[in-house]
């Protein structure tokens, strides 16, 4: 039997790089597409990417949360219009699609972890563009799986974890918000989950994040205790930082729906982050 071929769009990013590696370990042939050679908003390039593929995984996204407040058209072109077009092309070709979304589709006002059936209510343009992408993909009618992820970190891109370490190395004190709560999630864990969903050709909407919850401050404290214990760290509120885009305070996910599909339990966020810090 021939090895499955998956087209990975956004393959050079933090998640995409780990996903290509994870596919290789499982004997899945990964065809990688990303900027500058590949543009997801180009219909002809998108058509070429899916030709001959058994499945498509879309990691491409406009992720500048604050930038989306002014570059709204660009954010929606990448996060919504291109995703809808991918869905239509995949539908016509009979190809399964895995697409990643975000906790930012919610307003963060709920007092419990979010489940997939909770009503989205994004409070910034980035979240609105990602929600529109979910909707357009589902409306396309292609066989698809949408996985909402949050607070991701990895070796191949800038993220909260690497920024905390970089700031600590520069010296001085750090102030980190203690009223935003969620789950740090390693892109290696997301990539392994994506491979499992690909092998199962799972369909539907799922939440995935590291097990357990913490505030941004708690995560920074965990990092600094292991990497730069001399750093002066203090807590503050989100209202102390004026940013163009509002952030949800509650990003907690209930991952009960996806858990039965996975071969292994979801790792506690502390365990996965400890492993990541050792790699650094």
Protein backbone atom coordinates (compact mmCIF):
# COMPACT_ATOMS: atom_id res chain seq x y z
CA UNK A 1 0.00 0.00 0.00
CA UNK A 2 1.32 3.45 -0.93
CA UNK A 3 2.15 5.82 1.89
CA UNK A 4 -0.44 8.56 2.41
CA UNK A 5 0.46 11.97 0.98
CA UNK A 6 -0.55 15.08 2.90
CA UNK A 7 -0.16 18.65 1.70
CA UNK A 8 0.85 20.87 4.62
CA UNK A 9 0.08 24.54 4.06
CA UNK A 10 2.01 26.92 6.31
CA UNK A 11 4.72 24.29 6.71
CA UNK A 12 7.57 26.67 7.61
CA UNK A 13 5.91 28.11 10.71
CA UNK A 14 6.21 27.01 14.32
CA UNK A 15 3.49 24.35 14.10
CA UNK A 16 4.06 23.43 10.46
CA UNK A 17 7.73 22.61 11.00
CA UNK A 18 6.91 20.23 13.85
CA UNK A 19 4.08 18.73 11.83
CA UNK A 20 6.31 17.90 8.87
CA UNK A 21 8.71 16.16 11.27
CA UNK A 22 5.89 14.26 12.99
CA UNK A 23 4.55 13.02 9.65
CA UNK A 24 8.00 11.72 8.72
CA UNK A 25 8.16 9.68 11.92
CA UNK A 26 4.81 8.06 11.10
CA UNK A 27 5.60 7.22 7.47
CA UNK A 28 3.31 9.94 6.12
CA UNK A 29 4.65 11.71 3.02
CA UNK A 30 4.42 15.46 3.72
CA UNK A 31 4.51 17.99 0.90
CA UNK A 32 5.41 21.37 2.41
CA UNK A 33 4.05 24.73 1.20
CA UNK A 34 4.69 28.19 2.62
CA UNK A 35 5.71 31.76 1.91
CA UNK A 36 7.47 33.19 -0.03
CA UNK A 37 7.13 30.53 -2.74
CA UNK A 38 3.55 29.64 -1.83
CA UNK A 39 0.66 32.00 -1.01
CA UNK A 40 -2.51 30.47 0.42
CA UNK A 41 -4.56 33.38 -0.97
CA UNK A 42 -3.55 32.44 -4.54
CA UNK A 43 -6.27 30.13 -5.88
CA UNK A 44 -4.09 28.60 -8.58
CA UNK A 45 -1.30 27.80 -6.12
CA UNK A 46 -3.82 26.31 -3.71
CA UNK A 47 -5.23 24.11 -6.47
CA UNK A 48 -1.73 22.92 -7.33
CA UNK A 49 -0.94 22.14 -3.69
CA UNK A 50 -3.83 19.73 -3.24
CA UNK A 51 -3.43 17.89 -6.55
CA UNK A 52 -2.35 14.31 -5.91
CA UNK A 53 -2.68 14.68 -2.12
CA UNK A 54 -4.77 12.37 0.04
CA UNK A 55 -5.35 15.09 2.64
CA UNK A 56 -4.55 18.72 3.43
CA UNK A 57 -3.52 20.22 6.76
CA UNK A 58 -3.73 24.00 6.98
CA UNK A 59 -1.33 25.64 9.44
CA UNK A 60 -1.22 28.93 7.54
CA UNK A 61 -2.68 31.95 9.31
CA UNK A 62 -2.38 35.67 9.84
CA UNK A 63 -1.50 35.64 13.56
CA UNK A 64 -0.63 39.26 14.37
CA UNK A 65 -3.43 39.83 16.88
CA UNK A 66 -2.83 43.57 17.29
CA UNK A 67 -2.00 44.05 13.61
CA UNK A 68 -5.35 42.55 12.59
CA UNK A 69 -7.12 45.57 14.11
CA UNK A 70 -5.79 47.73 11.26
CA UNK A 71 -4.89 45.07 8.65
CA UNK A 72 -8.39 43.65 8.87
CA UNK A 73 -8.75 42.92 5.15
CA UNK A 74 -5.47 40.98 5.08
CA UNK A 75 -6.41 38.97 8.18
CA UNK A 76 -9.77 38.00 6.69
CA UNK A 77 -8.24 37.22 3.29
CA UNK A 78 -5.81 34.72 4.86
CA UNK A 79 -7.83 33.39 7.81
CA UNK A 80 -11.29 33.26 6.21
CA UNK A 81 -11.47 33.67 2.43
CA UNK A 82 -8.51 31.39 1.65
CA UNK A 83 -9.81 28.73 4.04
CA UNK A 84 -13.21 28.77 2.38
CA UNK A 85 -11.55 28.43 -1.02
CA UNK A 86 -9.45 25.53 0.25
CA UNK A 87 -12.63 23.84 1.46
CA UNK A 88 -14.33 24.21 -1.92
CA UNK A 89 -11.31 22.82 -3.80
CA UNK A 90 -11.01 19.92 -1.35
CA UNK A 91 -14.73 19.18 -1.65
CA UNK A 92 -14.48 18.96 -5.43
CA UNK A 93 -11.43 16.69 -5.14
CA UNK A 94 -12.88 14.54 -2.34
CA UNK A 95 -9.98 15.40 -0.01
CA UNK A 96 -10.12 15.57 3.80
CA UNK A 97 -8.95 18.83 5.44
CA UNK A 98 -7.56 19.50 8.91
CA UNK A 99 -7.64 23.17 9.88
CA UNK A 100 -6.41 24.90 13.04
CA UNK A 101 -8.37 27.61 14.81
CA UNK A 102 -8.01 29.41 18.14
CA UNK A 103 -9.32 30.16 21.62
CA UNK A 104 -9.77 33.75 20.41
CA UNK A 105 -13.12 32.81 18.88
CA UNK A 106 -14.45 33.19 22.46
CA UNK A 107 -14.79 36.37 24.51
CA UNK A 108 -13.27 34.80 27.63
CA UNK A 109 -16.16 35.84 29.84
CA UNK A 110 -17.29 32.35 30.83
CA UNK A 111 -16.47 31.02 34.31
CA UNK A 112 -15.74 27.43 33.18
CA UNK A 113 -13.64 25.78 30.46
CA UNK A 114 -15.06 26.16 26.96
CA UNK A 115 -16.57 23.19 25.13
CA UNK A 116 -17.04 22.95 21.38
CA UNK A 117 -20.77 23.71 21.55
CA UNK A 118 -20.30 27.03 23.38
CA UNK A 119 -21.34 30.05 21.34
CA UNK A 120 -18.32 31.91 19.90
CA UNK A 121 -18.13 35.66 20.48
CA UNK A 122 -14.73 37.02 19.39
CA UNK A 123 -13.66 40.37 20.84
CA UNK A 124 -10.98 41.26 18.29
CA UNK A 125 -10.52 41.17 14.51
CA UNK A 126 -8.12 38.24 14.65
CA UNK A 127 -10.73 36.14 16.44
CA UNK A 128 -13.43 37.25 14.03
CA UNK A 129 -11.29 36.30 11.04
CA UNK A 130 -10.53 32.85 12.50
CA UNK A 131 -14.18 32.22 13.30
CA UNK A 132 -15.13 33.20 9.75
CA UNK A 133 -12.57 30.67 8.51
CA UNK A 134 -14.17 27.92 10.58
CA UNK A 135 -17.59 28.81 9.21
CA UNK A 136 -16.48 28.99 5.58
CA UNK A 137 -14.71 25.64 5.79
CA UNK A 138 -17.79 23.95 7.25
CA UNK A 139 -20.06 25.63 4.68
CA UNK A 140 -17.85 24.36 1.85
CA UNK A 141 -19.08 20.83 2.46
CA UNK A 142 -15.67 19.16 2.35
CA UNK A 143 -14.85 16.37 4.84
CA UNK A 144 -13.00 18.30 7.52
CA UNK A 145 -11.71 18.47 11.05
CA UNK A 146 -11.23 21.80 12.87
CA UNK A 147 -8.97 21.87 15.94
CA UNK A 148 -8.93 24.94 18.15
CA UNK A 149 -5.59 25.35 19.92
CA UNK A 150 -4.19 27.93 22.34
CA UNK A 151 -1.04 29.37 23.90
CA UNK A 152 1.20 27.40 21.55
CA UNK A 153 4.98 27.38 21.79
CA UNK A 154 7.75 25.62 19.90
CA UNK A 155 11.35 25.79 18.75
CA UNK A 156 10.67 27.30 15.34
CA UNK A 157 9.04 30.64 16.07
CA UNK A 158 8.51 33.46 18.55
CA UNK A 159 6.02 32.75 21.31
CA UNK A 160 5.28 33.61 24.93
CA UNK A 161 7.77 31.09 26.32
CA UNK A 162 10.70 32.20 24.19
CA UNK A 163 9.86 35.87 24.77
CA UNK A 164 9.95 35.39 28.56
CA UNK A 165 13.36 33.70 28.30
CA UNK A 166 14.67 36.41 25.95
CA UNK A 167 13.53 39.20 28.27
CA UNK A 168 15.11 37.45 31.26
CA UNK A 169 18.43 37.15 29.44
CA UNK A 170 18.37 40.87 28.68
CA UNK A 171 18.20 41.58 32.41
CA UNK A 172 15.81 43.80 34.31
CA UNK A 173 12.39 43.00 35.71
CA UNK A 174 9.33 41.41 34.10
CA UNK A 175 5.67 42.19 34.57
CA UNK A 176 3.26 39.49 33.44
CA UNK A 177 -0.55 39.44 33.57
CA UNK A 178 -2.15 37.12 36.10
CA UNK A 179 -5.76 37.45 34.92
CA UNK A 180 -5.44 35.62 31.59
CA UNK A 181 -5.85 31.89 32.19
CA UNK A 182 -5.35 29.02 29.75
CA UNK A 183 -3.10 26.07 28.90
CA UNK A 184 0.41 26.31 27.44
CA UNK A 185 0.48 23.90 24.49
CA UNK A 186 3.59 22.55 22.78
CA UNK A 187 3.45 22.47 18.97
CA UNK A 188 5.06 19.02 19.11
CA UNK A 189 1.98 17.82 21.03
CA UNK A 190 -0.35 19.48 18.51
CA UNK A 191 1.58 17.89 15.63
CA UNK A 192 1.32 14.39 17.14
CA UNK A 193 -2.41 14.91 17.66
CA UNK A 194 -2.82 16.11 14.08
CA UNK A 195 -1.16 12.94 12.77
CA UNK A 196 -3.57 10.81 14.81
CA UNK A 197 -6.57 12.74 13.49
CA UNK A 198 -5.19 12.40 9.96
CA UNK A 199 -4.83 8.63 10.32
CA UNK A 200 -8.38 8.41 11.65
CA UNK A 201 -9.78 10.96 9.16
CA UNK A 202 -11.69 12.40 12.10
CA UNK A 203 -14.40 14.94 11.30
CA UNK A 204 -15.90 17.70 13.42
CA UNK A 205 -14.80 20.48 15.76
CA UNK A 206 -12.39 19.78 18.63
CA UNK A 207 -10.52 21.60 21.38
CA UNK A 208 -6.92 20.64 22.15
CA UNK A 209 -4.53 22.10 24.73
CA UNK A 210 -2.05 21.00 27.36
CA UNK A 211 -3.71 19.39 30.39
CA UNK A 212 -4.34 21.70 33.33
CA UNK A 213 -4.65 25.47 33.54
CA UNK A 214 -2.45 28.37 34.57
CA UNK A 215 -2.28 32.14 34.33
CA UNK A 216 0.30 33.82 32.13
CA UNK A 217 2.06 34.84 35.34
CA UNK A 218 2.11 31.23 36.59
CA UNK A 219 3.67 30.09 33.32
CA UNK A 220 6.31 32.83 33.42
CA UNK A 221 7.15 31.90 37.01
CA UNK A 222 7.50 28.23 36.02
CA UNK A 223 9.89 29.18 33.20
CA UNK A 224 12.01 31.58 35.21
CA UNK A 225 12.40 29.23 38.16
CA UNK A 226 14.12 26.81 35.77
CA UNK A 227 15.94 29.17 33.41
CA UNK A 228 16.59 32.49 35.18
CA UNK A 229 15.71 32.31 38.88
CA UNK A 230 17.41 35.64 39.56
CA UNK A 231 14.89 37.53 37.40
CA UNK A 232 12.56 39.93 39.19
CA UNK A 233 8.99 38.91 38.25
CA UNK A 234 5.81 40.71 39.28
CA UNK A 235 2.13 40.27 38.47
CA UNK A 236 -0.16 42.82 36.87
CA UNK A 237 -3.59 42.99 35.22
CA UNK A 238 -4.44 43.01 31.52
CA UNK A 239 -5.88 46.49 32.00
CA UNK A 240 -2.36 47.68 32.84
CA UNK A 241 -1.33 47.09 29.22
CA UNK A 242 -2.99 49.18 26.52
CA UNK A 243 -3.04 47.13 23.30
CA UNK A 244 -4.94 47.63 20.03
CA UNK A 245 -6.69 44.26 20.44
CA UNK A 246 -8.49 43.00 23.49
CA UNK A 247 -7.57 39.51 24.76
CA UNK A 248 -9.94 36.97 26.34
CA UNK A 249 -9.25 36.45 30.04
CA UNK A 250 -10.54 32.88 30.12
CA UNK A 251 -8.96 30.65 27.45
CA UNK A 252 -9.51 27.37 29.25
CA UNK A 253 -10.53 24.47 27.01
CA UNK A 254 -12.44 21.34 27.94
CA UNK A 255 -10.70 18.68 25.83
CA UNK A 256 -13.04 15.84 26.74
CA UNK A 257 -14.34 15.44 23.18
CA UNK A 258 -10.95 14.85 21.53
CA UNK A 259 -9.43 12.72 24.30
CA UNK A 260 -11.02 9.37 23.26
CA UNK A 261 -9.54 9.75 19.76
CA UNK A 262 -5.97 9.98 21.04
CA UNK A 263 -3.69 7.02 21.65
CA UNK A 264 -2.11 8.59 24.75
CA UNK A 265 -3.40 10.89 27.51
CA UNK A 266 -2.85 14.62 26.99
CA UNK A 267 0.33 15.59 28.85
CA UNK A 268 0.12 18.09 31.72
CA UNK A 269 1.31 21.49 30.52
CA UNK A 270 4.08 21.45 33.15
CA UNK A 271 5.52 18.18 31.84
CA UNK A 272 5.54 19.26 28.20
CA UNK A 273 7.00 22.69 29.04
CA UNK A 274 9.71 21.11 31.20
CA UNK A 275 10.74 18.97 28.23
CA UNK A 276 10.81 22.02 25.97
CA UNK A 277 12.97 24.03 28.38
CA UNK A 278 15.46 21.17 28.55
CA UNK A 279 15.78 21.27 24.76
CA UNK A 280 16.70 24.95 24.98
